[in-house]
Amino acid sequence: FVVKKKDGSFVKKKTLIATIQGNAQNILIAERVALNFLSHISGIATKTNQFVKLVGKKCKICCTRKTIPNLRVIQKYAVKLGGGKNHRFNLSDEFLIKDNHIASSNIKKLVLLAIKNKKGKKITVEVDNLRQLKEIVGLKFNTVLFDNMSLKNLKIGVKLAKKYYETEASGNVNLKTIKSIAATGVDRISIGSITHSAPAIDLKLEI
């Protein structure tokens, strides 16, 4: 197996990316599985890069936990190839306080409990309105995740939180909205579609 184009390279249609030499029967048995992986991963890298190009260097494009078990590591690797960033491989990586947790308890109480038990782990708190943010501003955690907020409220929220925390936006992010979301000054934008809805790149093997 001889690689002609390194991982993360930009390639045009009809570009030769690798050559394979060996027993024809064995190659054909493995062909479709290998191409499925390459097509899927290339699609993720390509879609990620489209977002990365639109936001520039000030804002990071991140994947979410919307990945497939057993494929998660390679999907997240593809995001990095496209110029994106990885965070939160799973819930054990850090404390992630989300809307469903908050709905069943009190946001300030949950954050204080996480701070008490963090044991060196980072804490991210999801908020979907400014009232929730104001309840927790000043507490010692790491990241505020603004979920599905209007651009107006997101801009206000980023201004309130930026002094204390890293800021992240998610929800309803697409190639049409990404620039205006990045313009609010948010540090990073997480996008589920770059892993769960990336169109596969068409690749083929010819003998």
N, C-alpha and C. Protein backbone atom coordinates (compact mmCIF):
# COMPACT_ATOMS: atom_id res chain seq x y z
N PHE A 1 0.85 -1.19 0.00
CA PHE A 1 0.00 0.00 0.00
C PHE A 1 0.89 1.24 0.00
N VAL A 2 0.85 2.02 -1.05
CA VAL A 2 1.70 3.20 -1.19
C VAL A 2 0.84 4.46 -1.20
N VAL A 3 1.03 5.31 -0.20
CA VAL A 3 0.24 6.54 -0.08
C VAL A 3 0.79 7.59 -1.05
N LYS A 4 -0.09 8.17 -1.85
CA LYS A 4 0.29 9.23 -2.79
C LYS A 4 -0.12 10.61 -2.28
N LYS A 5 -1.14 10.64 -1.43
CA LYS A 5 -1.60 11.90 -0.82
C LYS A 5 -1.71 11.70 0.68
N LYS A 6 -1.03 12.53 1.46
CA LYS A 6 -1.05 12.40 2.92
C LYS A 6 -2.41 12.79 3.49
N ASP A 7 -2.70 12.29 4.70
CA ASP A 7 -3.92 12.66 5.40
C ASP A 7 -4.02 14.18 5.52
N GLY A 8 -5.19 14.71 5.21
CA GLY A 8 -5.39 16.16 5.33
C GLY A 8 -5.06 16.93 4.07
N SER A 9 -4.61 16.24 3.02
CA SER A 9 -4.29 16.92 1.76
C SER A 9 -5.57 17.32 1.02
N PHE A 10 -5.49 18.43 0.30
CA PHE A 10 -6.58 18.81 -0.59
C PHE A 10 -6.39 18.06 -1.91
N VAL A 11 -7.44 17.40 -2.39
CA VAL A 11 -7.34 16.65 -3.64
C VAL A 11 -8.47 17.03 -4.59
N LYS A 12 -8.17 17.00 -5.87
CA LYS A 12 -9.17 17.29 -6.90
C LYS A 12 -9.74 15.99 -7.43
N LYS A 13 -10.83 16.12 -8.17
CA LYS A 13 -11.46 14.96 -8.79
C LYS A 13 -10.46 14.21 -9.68
N LYS A 14 -10.55 12.88 -9.65
CA LYS A 14 -9.70 11.98 -10.44
C LYS A 14 -8.24 11.96 -9.96
N THR A 15 -7.99 12.46 -8.76
CA THR A 15 -6.63 12.41 -8.19
C THR A 15 -6.34 11.00 -7.67
N LEU A 16 -5.14 10.51 -7.91
CA LEU A 16 -4.71 9.22 -7.37
C LEU A 16 -4.23 9.44 -5.94
N ILE A 17 -4.88 8.76 -4.98
CA ILE A 17 -4.49 8.98 -3.58
C ILE A 17 -3.64 7.85 -3.00
N ALA A 18 -3.68 6.68 -3.63
CA ALA A 18 -2.84 5.56 -3.15
C ALA A 18 -2.82 4.45 -4.20
N THR A 19 -1.79 3.62 -4.14
CA THR A 19 -1.74 2.43 -5.00
C THR A 19 -1.60 1.19 -4.11
N ILE A 20 -2.19 0.11 -4.56
CA ILE A 20 -2.17 -1.14 -3.80
C ILE A 20 -1.66 -2.24 -4.73
N GLN A 21 -0.74 -3.06 -4.23
CA GLN A 21 -0.23 -4.17 -5.03
C GLN A 21 -0.38 -5.45 -4.21
N GLY A 22 -0.88 -6.51 -4.85
CA GLY A 22 -1.04 -7.76 -4.12
C GLY A 22 -1.97 -8.70 -4.85
N ASN A 23 -2.46 -9.70 -4.14
CA ASN A 23 -3.38 -10.68 -4.70
C ASN A 23 -4.71 -10.00 -5.02
N ALA A 24 -5.15 -10.08 -6.27
CA ALA A 24 -6.37 -9.38 -6.72
C ALA A 24 -7.60 -9.79 -5.91
N GLN A 25 -7.74 -11.08 -5.62
CA GLN A 25 -8.91 -11.56 -4.87
C GLN A 25 -8.95 -10.93 -3.47
N ASN A 26 -7.81 -10.90 -2.80
CA ASN A 26 -7.75 -10.32 -1.46
C ASN A 26 -8.05 -8.81 -1.48
N ILE A 27 -7.52 -8.15 -2.50
CA ILE A 27 -7.77 -6.70 -2.61
C ILE A 27 -9.27 -6.44 -2.81
N LEU A 28 -9.91 -7.22 -3.68
CA LEU A 28 -11.33 -7.01 -3.96
C LEU A 28 -12.22 -7.37 -2.78
N ILE A 29 -11.79 -8.31 -1.96
CA ILE A 29 -12.56 -8.65 -0.74
C ILE A 29 -12.60 -7.47 0.22
N ALA A 30 -11.46 -6.77 0.34
CA ALA A 30 -11.35 -5.67 1.31
C ALA A 30 -11.74 -4.31 0.72
N GLU A 31 -11.90 -4.25 -0.60
CA GLU A 31 -12.07 -2.97 -1.30
C GLU A 31 -13.19 -2.10 -0.72
N ARG A 32 -14.40 -2.63 -0.63
CA ARG A 32 -15.55 -1.80 -0.27
C ARG A 32 -15.47 -1.30 1.17
N VAL A 33 -15.01 -2.16 2.07
CA VAL A 33 -14.87 -1.73 3.48
C VAL A 33 -13.89 -0.57 3.58
N ALA A 34 -12.75 -0.71 2.92
CA ALA A 34 -11.73 0.35 2.96
C ALA A 34 -12.25 1.65 2.35
N LEU A 35 -12.92 1.54 1.20
CA LEU A 35 -13.45 2.73 0.55
C LEU A 35 -14.55 3.40 1.39
N ASN A 36 -15.36 2.60 2.06
CA ASN A 36 -16.41 3.17 2.93
C ASN A 36 -15.80 4.01 4.04
N PHE A 37 -14.75 3.49 4.66
CA PHE A 37 -14.06 4.24 5.71
C PHE A 37 -13.46 5.53 5.15
N LEU A 38 -12.72 5.40 4.05
CA LEU A 38 -12.07 6.57 3.44
C LEU A 38 -13.08 7.62 2.99
N SER A 39 -14.17 7.18 2.39
CA SER A 39 -15.20 8.11 1.91
C SER A 39 -15.85 8.86 3.06
N HIS A 40 -16.17 8.14 4.12
CA HIS A 40 -16.82 8.73 5.30
C HIS A 40 -15.90 9.74 5.98
N ILE A 41 -14.67 9.33 6.22
CA ILE A 41 -13.72 10.20 6.91
C ILE A 41 -13.36 11.43 6.07
N SER A 42 -13.21 11.22 4.77
CA SER A 42 -12.91 12.35 3.89
C SER A 42 -14.07 13.34 3.85
N GLY A 43 -15.29 12.80 3.93
CA GLY A 43 -16.48 13.66 3.96
C GLY A 43 -16.52 14.53 5.21
N ILE A 44 -16.19 13.94 6.35
CA ILE A 44 -16.15 14.69 7.61
C ILE A 44 -15.09 15.79 7.56
N ALA A 45 -13.90 15.43 7.09
CA ALA A 45 -12.81 16.40 6.99
C ALA A 45 -13.18 17.55 6.06
N THR A 46 -13.83 17.22 4.95
CA THR A 46 -14.22 18.23 3.96
C THR A 46 -15.26 19.19 4.52
N LYS A 47 -16.29 18.64 5.17
CA LYS A 47 -17.35 19.49 5.74
C LYS A 47 -16.80 20.37 6.86
N THR A 48 -15.94 19.79 7.68
CA THR A 48 -15.32 20.56 8.76
C THR A 48 -14.54 21.74 8.19
N ASN A 49 -13.78 21.47 7.14
CA ASN A 49 -12.94 22.51 6.54
C ASN A 49 -13.76 23.65 5.93
N GLN A 50 -14.95 23.33 5.45
CA GLN A 50 -15.83 24.38 4.92
C GLN A 50 -16.18 25.39 6.01
N PHE A 51 -16.47 24.88 7.21
CA PHE A 51 -16.78 25.76 8.35
C PHE A 51 -15.54 26.52 8.80
N VAL A 52 -14.41 25.82 8.88
CA VAL A 52 -13.16 26.43 9.33
C VAL A 52 -12.79 27.62 8.46
N LYS A 53 -12.92 27.47 7.15
CA LYS A 53 -12.59 28.55 6.22
C LYS A 53 -13.47 29.78 6.43
N LEU A 54 -14.72 29.57 6.81
CA LEU A 54 -15.66 30.68 6.95
C LEU A 54 -15.44 31.49 8.23
N VAL A 55 -14.92 30.87 9.29
CA VAL A 55 -14.78 31.60 10.57
C VAL A 55 -13.40 32.21 10.78
N GLY A 56 -12.40 31.76 10.04
CA GLY A 56 -11.06 32.30 10.23
C GLY A 56 -10.38 31.74 11.46
N LYS A 57 -9.34 32.42 11.93
CA LYS A 57 -8.51 31.88 13.00
C LYS A 57 -8.97 32.23 14.42
N LYS A 58 -9.84 33.21 14.57
CA LYS A 58 -10.23 33.66 15.91
C LYS A 58 -11.19 32.70 16.60
N CYS A 59 -11.93 31.94 15.83
CA CYS A 59 -12.95 31.03 16.39
C CYS A 59 -12.64 29.59 16.00
N LYS A 60 -12.75 28.67 16.97
CA LYS A 60 -12.48 27.25 16.71
C LYS A 60 -13.77 26.53 16.32
N ILE A 61 -13.64 25.61 15.38
CA ILE A 61 -14.76 24.73 15.02
C ILE A 61 -14.54 23.39 15.72
N CYS A 62 -15.53 22.96 16.49
CA CYS A 62 -15.40 21.72 17.26
C CYS A 62 -16.50 20.73 16.89
N CYS A 63 -16.19 19.46 17.03
CA CYS A 63 -17.22 18.43 16.88
C CYS A 63 -17.94 18.25 18.21
N THR A 64 -18.99 17.46 18.20
CA THR A 64 -19.77 17.20 19.42
C THR A 64 -19.63 15.72 19.78
N ARG A 65 -20.47 15.26 20.70
CA ARG A 65 -20.49 13.83 21.03
C ARG A 65 -21.43 13.05 20.11
N LYS A 66 -21.91 13.71 19.04
CA LYS A 66 -22.80 13.04 18.08
C LYS A 66 -21.96 12.23 17.09
N THR A 67 -21.34 11.20 17.63
CA THR A 67 -20.47 10.31 16.86
C THR A 67 -20.88 8.87 17.15
N ILE A 68 -20.38 7.94 16.36
CA ILE A 68 -20.80 6.54 16.49
C ILE A 68 -19.81 5.74 17.32
N PRO A 69 -20.28 5.03 18.35
CA PRO A 69 -19.37 4.18 19.13
C PRO A 69 -18.59 3.25 18.20
N ASN A 70 -17.33 3.05 18.52
CA ASN A 70 -16.36 2.27 17.72
C ASN A 70 -15.82 3.04 16.51
N LEU A 71 -16.56 4.06 16.05
CA LEU A 71 -16.04 4.92 14.98
C LEU A 71 -15.66 6.29 15.52
N ARG A 72 -15.91 6.52 16.79
CA ARG A 72 -15.75 7.86 17.38
C ARG A 72 -14.33 8.42 17.20
N VAL A 73 -13.33 7.62 17.50
CA VAL A 73 -11.94 8.11 17.43
C VAL A 73 -11.57 8.51 16.01
N ILE A 74 -11.95 7.69 15.05
CA ILE A 74 -11.59 7.99 13.66
C ILE A 74 -12.41 9.15 13.10
N GLN A 75 -13.67 9.30 13.56
CA GLN A 75 -14.48 10.45 13.14
C GLN A 75 -13.89 11.75 13.69
N LYS A 76 -13.45 11.70 14.92
CA LYS A 76 -12.86 12.90 15.53
C LYS A 76 -11.48 13.21 14.92
N TYR A 77 -10.78 12.17 14.51
CA TYR A 77 -9.51 12.36 13.79
C TYR A 77 -9.77 13.09 12.48
N ALA A 78 -10.85 12.72 11.80
CA ALA A 78 -11.22 13.37 10.54
C ALA A 78 -11.52 14.85 10.75
N VAL A 79 -12.14 15.19 11.86
CA VAL A 79 -12.42 16.59 12.19
C VAL A 79 -11.11 17.37 12.29
N LYS A 80 -10.12 16.78 12.93
CA LYS A 80 -8.81 17.43 13.07
C LYS A 80 -8.14 17.61 11.70
N LEU A 81 -8.29 16.62 10.83
CA LEU A 81 -7.72 16.72 9.48
C LEU A 81 -8.33 17.90 8.72
N GLY A 82 -9.59 18.19 9.01
CA GLY A 82 -10.27 19.31 8.35
C GLY A 82 -9.99 20.66 8.98
N GLY A 83 -9.17 20.67 10.03
CA GLY A 83 -8.82 21.93 10.68
C GLY A 83 -9.64 22.23 11.92
N GLY A 84 -10.52 21.29 12.31
CA GLY A 84 -11.34 21.47 13.51
C GLY A 84 -10.63 21.01 14.77
N LYS A 85 -11.33 21.13 15.89
CA LYS A 85 -10.78 20.74 17.19
C LYS A 85 -11.66 19.68 17.84
N ASN A 86 -11.02 18.84 18.64
CA ASN A 86 -11.74 17.82 19.43
C ASN A 86 -11.90 18.27 20.87
N HIS A 87 -13.03 17.98 21.44
CA HIS A 87 -13.21 18.10 22.88
C HIS A 87 -14.35 17.16 23.28
N ARG A 88 -14.39 16.80 24.53
CA ARG A 88 -15.45 15.94 25.05
C ARG A 88 -15.64 14.66 24.23
N PHE A 89 -14.73 13.72 24.37
CA PHE A 89 -14.92 12.43 23.72
C PHE A 89 -16.12 11.70 24.32
N ASN A 90 -16.32 11.88 25.61
CA ASN A 90 -17.48 11.28 26.28
C ASN A 90 -17.74 12.04 27.59
N LEU A 91 -18.78 11.67 28.28
CA LEU A 91 -19.17 12.40 29.50
C LEU A 91 -18.18 12.24 30.64
N SER A 92 -17.30 11.24 30.57
CA SER A 92 -16.33 11.06 31.66
C SER A 92 -15.12 11.99 31.52
N ASP A 93 -14.98 12.65 30.36
CA ASP A 93 -13.83 13.54 30.14
C ASP A 93 -13.88 14.78 31.03
N GLU A 94 -15.08 15.29 31.24
CA GLU A 94 -15.26 16.50 32.04
C GLU A 94 -16.70 16.55 32.53
N PHE A 95 -16.98 17.49 33.41
CA PHE A 95 -18.36 17.70 33.84
C PHE A 95 -19.08 18.50 32.76
N LEU A 96 -20.13 17.95 32.23
CA LEU A 96 -20.94 18.64 31.23
C LEU A 96 -22.36 18.74 31.76
N ILE A 97 -22.72 19.94 32.23
CA ILE A 97 -24.05 20.16 32.80
C ILE A 97 -24.96 20.68 31.70
N LYS A 98 -25.93 19.85 31.30
CA LYS A 98 -26.78 20.17 30.16
C LYS A 98 -28.22 20.49 30.57
N ASP A 99 -29.03 20.84 29.58
CA ASP A 99 -30.41 21.27 29.84
C ASP A 99 -31.23 20.23 30.60
N ASN A 100 -31.03 18.94 30.29
CA ASN A 100 -31.80 17.91 30.98
C ASN A 100 -31.42 17.78 32.45
N HIS A 101 -30.15 18.04 32.76
CA HIS A 101 -29.73 18.05 34.17
C HIS A 101 -30.38 19.23 34.88
N ILE A 102 -30.32 20.39 34.22
CA ILE A 102 -30.85 21.63 34.81
C ILE A 102 -32.36 21.54 35.01
N ALA A 103 -33.05 20.89 34.06
CA ALA A 103 -34.51 20.76 34.15
C ALA A 103 -34.94 19.95 35.37
N SER A 104 -34.06 19.07 35.83
CA SER A 104 -34.41 18.21 36.97
C SER A 104 -33.82 18.71 38.29
N SER A 105 -33.15 19.89 38.25
CA SER A 105 -32.54 20.42 39.46
C SER A 105 -32.40 21.94 39.33
N ASN A 106 -31.49 22.51 40.12
CA ASN A 106 -31.23 23.95 40.11
C ASN A 106 -29.83 24.19 39.54
N ILE A 107 -29.71 25.09 38.56
CA ILE A 107 -28.45 25.26 37.84
C ILE A 107 -27.30 25.65 38.76
N LYS A 108 -27.54 26.56 39.67
CA LYS A 108 -26.47 27.01 40.57
C LYS A 108 -26.04 25.89 41.50
N LYS A 109 -27.02 25.14 41.99
CA LYS A 109 -26.74 24.01 42.87
C LYS A 109 -25.89 22.96 42.16
N LEU A 110 -26.23 22.68 40.90
CA LEU A 110 -25.49 21.69 40.11
C LEU A 110 -24.05 22.12 39.87
N VAL A 111 -23.87 23.39 39.54
CA VAL A 111 -22.53 23.91 39.27
C VAL A 111 -21.67 23.85 40.54
N LEU A 112 -22.24 24.25 41.65
CA LEU A 112 -21.50 24.21 42.94
C LEU A 112 -21.12 22.78 43.31
N LEU A 113 -22.02 21.83 43.03
CA LEU A 113 -21.75 20.42 43.31
C LEU A 113 -20.61 19.91 42.43
N ALA A 114 -20.62 20.32 41.15
CA ALA A 114 -19.56 19.92 40.23
C ALA A 114 -18.21 20.50 40.66
N ILE A 115 -18.20 21.77 41.08
CA ILE A 115 -16.97 22.42 41.55
C ILE A 115 -16.40 21.67 42.75
N LYS A 116 -17.28 21.26 43.64
CA LYS A 116 -16.88 20.55 44.86
C LYS A 116 -16.26 19.18 44.53
N ASN A 117 -16.74 18.55 43.45
CA ASN A 117 -16.31 17.18 43.14
C ASN A 117 -15.48 17.06 41.86
N LYS A 118 -14.94 18.16 41.36
CA LYS A 118 -14.33 18.13 40.02
C LYS A 118 -13.04 17.31 39.92
N LYS A 119 -12.25 17.25 40.99
CA LYS A 119 -11.01 16.45 41.01
C LYS A 119 -10.15 16.67 39.76
N GLY A 120 -9.93 17.92 39.43
CA GLY A 120 -9.05 18.26 38.32
C GLY A 120 -9.71 18.28 36.95
N LYS A 121 -10.97 17.88 36.87
CA LYS A 121 -11.65 17.87 35.58
C LYS A 121 -12.26 19.24 35.26
N LYS A 122 -12.37 19.55 33.99
CA LYS A 122 -13.00 20.79 33.57
C LYS A 122 -14.51 20.70 33.70
N ILE A 123 -15.13 21.86 33.81
CA ILE A 123 -16.59 21.93 33.94
C ILE A 123 -17.15 22.83 32.84
N THR A 124 -18.07 22.29 32.06
CA THR A 124 -18.79 23.07 31.05
C THR A 124 -20.26 23.13 31.45
N VAL A 125 -20.83 24.33 31.38
CA VAL A 125 -22.24 24.51 31.75
C VAL A 125 -23.01 25.04 30.54
N GLU A 126 -24.06 24.33 30.18
CA GLU A 126 -24.90 24.74 29.05
C GLU A 126 -26.01 25.67 29.57
N VAL A 127 -26.19 26.80 28.88
CA VAL A 127 -27.30 27.71 29.20
C VAL A 127 -28.07 28.00 27.92
N ASP A 128 -29.38 28.18 28.06
CA ASP A 128 -30.16 28.52 26.87
C ASP A 128 -30.87 29.87 27.00
N ASN A 129 -30.55 30.60 28.09
CA ASN A 129 -31.06 31.96 28.22
C ASN A 129 -30.14 32.77 29.14
N LEU A 130 -30.28 34.08 29.11
CA LEU A 130 -29.40 34.97 29.87
C LEU A 130 -29.67 34.89 31.37
N ARG A 131 -30.89 34.56 31.74
CA ARG A 131 -31.22 34.43 33.17
C ARG A 131 -30.38 33.33 33.82
N GLN A 132 -30.27 32.19 33.13
CA GLN A 132 -29.44 31.09 33.65
C GLN A 132 -27.99 31.52 33.78
N LEU A 133 -27.50 32.24 32.78
CA LEU A 133 -26.10 32.70 32.81
C LEU A 133 -25.85 33.61 34.01
N LYS A 134 -26.75 34.54 34.25
CA LYS A 134 -26.58 35.49 35.35
C LYS A 134 -26.58 34.82 36.71
N GLU A 135 -27.24 33.65 36.82
CA GLU A 135 -27.28 32.90 38.08
C GLU A 135 -25.93 32.30 38.45
N ILE A 136 -25.09 32.05 37.42
CA ILE A 136 -23.84 31.32 37.68
C ILE A 136 -22.57 32.11 37.39
N VAL A 137 -22.70 33.30 36.80
CA VAL A 137 -21.51 34.11 36.49
C VAL A 137 -20.72 34.39 37.76
N GLY A 138 -19.43 34.16 37.70
CA GLY A 138 -18.56 34.37 38.86
C GLY A 138 -18.16 33.09 39.56
N LEU A 139 -18.95 32.00 39.38
CA LEU A 139 -18.58 30.71 39.97
C LEU A 139 -17.39 30.13 39.19
N LYS A 140 -16.58 29.34 39.86
CA LYS A 140 -15.33 28.87 39.24
C LYS A 140 -15.51 27.59 38.42
N PHE A 141 -15.87 27.78 37.15
CA PHE A 141 -15.89 26.66 36.20
C PHE A 141 -15.21 27.14 34.92
N ASN A 142 -15.20 26.32 33.88
CA ASN A 142 -14.34 26.60 32.72
C ASN A 142 -15.02 27.19 31.49
N THR A 143 -16.14 26.59 31.10
CA THR A 143 -16.74 26.95 29.81
C THR A 143 -18.24 27.15 29.92
N VAL A 144 -18.74 28.19 29.26
CA VAL A 144 -20.19 28.39 29.10
C VAL A 144 -20.56 27.97 27.69
N LEU A 145 -21.52 27.06 27.59
CA LEU A 145 -22.01 26.60 26.30
C LEU A 145 -23.38 27.22 26.04
N PHE A 146 -23.44 28.14 25.09
CA PHE A 146 -24.70 28.80 24.74
C PHE A 146 -25.42 27.93 23.72
N ASP A 147 -26.61 27.45 24.08
CA ASP A 147 -27.31 26.50 23.23
C ASP A 147 -28.54 27.14 22.59
N ASN A 148 -28.58 27.13 21.26
CA ASN A 148 -29.74 27.61 20.51
C ASN A 148 -30.22 29.00 20.92
N MET A 149 -29.29 29.91 21.15
CA MET A 149 -29.65 31.27 21.53
C MET A 149 -29.68 32.18 20.31
N SER A 150 -30.51 33.20 20.35
CA SER A 150 -30.57 34.17 19.26
C SER A 150 -29.22 34.90 19.18
N LEU A 151 -28.92 35.43 18.02
CA LEU A 151 -27.65 36.16 17.85
C LEU A 151 -27.56 37.34 18.82
N LYS A 152 -28.66 38.01 19.03
CA LYS A 152 -28.69 39.16 19.94
C LYS A 152 -28.32 38.74 21.36
N ASN A 153 -28.96 37.68 21.86
CA ASN A 153 -28.68 37.20 23.22
C ASN A 153 -27.31 36.55 23.33
N LEU A 154 -26.89 35.89 22.25
CA LEU A 154 -25.56 35.27 22.25
C LEU A 154 -24.49 36.34 22.39
N LYS A 155 -24.64 37.43 21.68
CA LYS A 155 -23.68 38.53 21.75
C LYS A 155 -23.61 39.11 23.16
N ILE A 156 -24.77 39.29 23.79
CA ILE A 156 -24.83 39.80 25.17
C ILE A 156 -24.19 38.79 26.12
N GLY A 157 -24.54 37.51 25.92
CA GLY A 157 -24.01 36.45 26.77
C GLY A 157 -22.50 36.32 26.71
N VAL A 158 -21.96 36.40 25.49
CA VAL A 158 -20.50 36.33 25.31
C VAL A 158 -19.82 37.49 26.03
N LYS A 159 -20.41 38.67 25.92
CA LYS A 159 -19.85 39.86 26.57
C LYS A 159 -19.83 39.70 28.09
N LEU A 160 -20.90 39.11 28.64
CA LEU A 160 -21.00 38.88 30.10
C LEU A 160 -20.02 37.81 30.58
N ALA A 161 -19.85 36.77 29.75
CA ALA A 161 -19.10 35.59 30.20
C ALA A 161 -17.62 35.61 29.86
N LYS A 162 -17.24 36.36 28.83
CA LYS A 162 -15.88 36.29 28.28
C LYS A 162 -14.79 36.59 29.32
N LYS A 163 -15.11 37.45 30.25
CA LYS A 163 -14.14 37.83 31.29
C LYS A 163 -13.78 36.64 32.19
N TYR A 164 -14.74 35.76 32.37
CA TYR A 164 -14.58 34.65 33.33
C TYR A 164 -14.32 33.29 32.68
N TYR A 165 -14.90 33.05 31.49
CA TYR A 165 -14.93 31.68 30.95
C TYR A 165 -14.59 31.63 29.45
N GLU A 166 -14.24 30.43 29.02
CA GLU A 166 -14.21 30.16 27.59
C GLU A 166 -15.67 30.07 27.14
N THR A 167 -15.96 30.55 25.95
CA THR A 167 -17.35 30.56 25.48
C THR A 167 -17.52 29.67 24.25
N GLU A 168 -18.66 29.01 24.21
CA GLU A 168 -18.95 28.09 23.11
C GLU A 168 -20.41 28.25 22.69
N ALA A 169 -20.67 28.15 21.41
CA ALA A 169 -22.04 28.22 20.90
C ALA A 169 -22.36 26.93 20.16
N SER A 170 -23.62 26.51 20.25
CA SER A 170 -24.06 25.34 19.49
C SER A 170 -25.55 25.49 19.18
N GLY A 171 -26.02 24.66 18.27
CA GLY A 171 -27.43 24.65 17.92
C GLY A 171 -27.74 25.47 16.68
N ASN A 172 -28.39 24.84 15.71
CA ASN A 172 -28.82 25.51 14.47
C ASN A 172 -27.65 26.16 13.73
N VAL A 173 -26.50 25.49 13.73
CA VAL A 173 -25.32 26.03 13.04
C VAL A 173 -25.22 25.39 11.65
N ASN A 174 -25.15 26.22 10.63
CA ASN A 174 -24.95 25.73 9.28
C ASN A 174 -24.04 26.69 8.52
N LEU A 175 -23.77 26.39 7.27
CA LEU A 175 -22.84 27.22 6.50
C LEU A 175 -23.36 28.64 6.26
N LYS A 176 -24.67 28.83 6.36
CA LYS A 176 -25.25 30.17 6.18
C LYS A 176 -25.18 31.00 7.46
N THR A 177 -25.25 30.34 8.63
CA THR A 177 -25.30 31.07 9.90
C THR A 177 -23.94 31.19 10.60
N ILE A 178 -22.96 30.40 10.17
CA ILE A 178 -21.71 30.28 10.91
C ILE A 178 -20.96 31.61 11.06
N LYS A 179 -20.94 32.43 10.01
CA LYS A 179 -20.20 33.69 10.08
C LYS A 179 -20.79 34.64 11.10
N SER A 180 -22.11 34.75 11.13
CA SER A 180 -22.75 35.66 12.07
C SER A 180 -22.61 35.17 13.51
N ILE A 181 -22.58 33.85 13.71
CA ILE A 181 -22.36 33.30 15.06
C ILE A 181 -20.93 33.61 15.52
N ALA A 182 -19.97 33.40 14.64
CA ALA A 182 -18.56 33.68 14.96
C ALA A 182 -18.35 35.16 15.25
N ALA A 183 -19.12 36.02 14.59
CA ALA A 183 -18.97 37.47 14.75
C ALA A 183 -19.39 37.96 16.13
N THR A 184 -20.07 37.12 16.91
CA THR A 184 -20.46 37.52 18.28
C THR A 184 -19.26 37.53 19.23
N GLY A 185 -18.14 36.95 18.78
CA GLY A 185 -16.94 36.92 19.62
C GLY A 185 -16.77 35.63 20.40
N VAL A 186 -17.64 34.65 20.13
CA VAL A 186 -17.56 33.36 20.83
C VAL A 186 -16.23 32.66 20.49
N ASP A 187 -15.66 31.95 21.49
CA ASP A 187 -14.36 31.31 21.30
C ASP A 187 -14.41 30.10 20.39
N ARG A 188 -15.49 29.33 20.51
CA ARG A 188 -15.59 28.12 19.69
C ARG A 188 -17.05 27.82 19.37
N ILE A 189 -17.25 27.10 18.27
CA ILE A 189 -18.60 26.72 17.85
C ILE A 189 -18.60 25.21 17.64
N SER A 190 -19.51 24.52 18.30
CA SER A 190 -19.59 23.06 18.15
C SER A 190 -20.74 22.70 17.21
N ILE A 191 -20.45 21.78 16.28
CA ILE A 191 -21.39 21.47 15.20
C ILE A 191 -21.55 19.95 15.07
N GLY A 192 -22.73 19.45 15.37
CA GLY A 192 -22.98 18.02 15.29
C GLY A 192 -22.97 17.50 13.86
N SER A 193 -23.39 18.33 12.92
CA SER A 193 -23.55 17.86 11.54
C SER A 193 -22.24 17.48 10.86
N ILE A 194 -21.11 17.99 11.36
CA ILE A 194 -19.84 17.65 10.69
C ILE A 194 -19.48 16.18 10.86
N THR A 195 -20.06 15.54 11.88
CA THR A 195 -19.82 14.09 12.02
C THR A 195 -21.06 13.26 11.68
N HIS A 196 -22.27 13.74 12.05
CA HIS A 196 -23.44 12.88 11.82
C HIS A 196 -24.12 13.08 10.47
N SER A 197 -23.75 14.14 9.74
CA SER A 197 -24.44 14.39 8.46
C SER A 197 -23.50 14.78 7.32
N ALA A 198 -22.23 14.45 7.44
CA ALA A 198 -21.28 14.81 6.38
C ALA A 198 -21.46 13.88 5.18
N PRO A 199 -21.67 14.43 3.98
CA PRO A 199 -21.77 13.57 2.79
C PRO A 199 -20.44 12.88 2.51
N ALA A 200 -20.49 11.61 2.20
CA ALA A 200 -19.27 10.87 1.89
C ALA A 200 -18.67 11.36 0.58
N ILE A 201 -17.36 11.34 0.51
CA ILE A 201 -16.64 11.69 -0.73
C ILE A 201 -16.56 10.44 -1.60
N ASP A 202 -16.86 10.57 -2.87
CA ASP A 202 -16.88 9.42 -3.77
C ASP A 202 -15.46 8.99 -4.15
N LEU A 203 -15.08 7.81 -3.68
CA LEU A 203 -13.76 7.24 -4.00
C LEU A 203 -13.95 5.87 -4.63
N LYS A 204 -13.05 5.49 -5.50
CA LYS A 204 -13.15 4.17 -6.12
C LYS A 204 -11.77 3.54 -6.32
N LEU A 205 -11.77 2.24 -6.44
CA LEU A 205 -10.54 1.50 -6.72
C LEU A 205 -10.63 0.93 -8.13
N GLU A 206 -9.56 1.11 -8.91
CA GLU A 206 -9.54 0.54 -10.26
C GLU A 206 -8.32 -0.36 -10.43
N ILE A 207 -8.54 -1.48 -11.07
CA ILE A 207 -7.43 -2.42 -11.34
C ILE A 207 -6.93 -2.18 -12.76
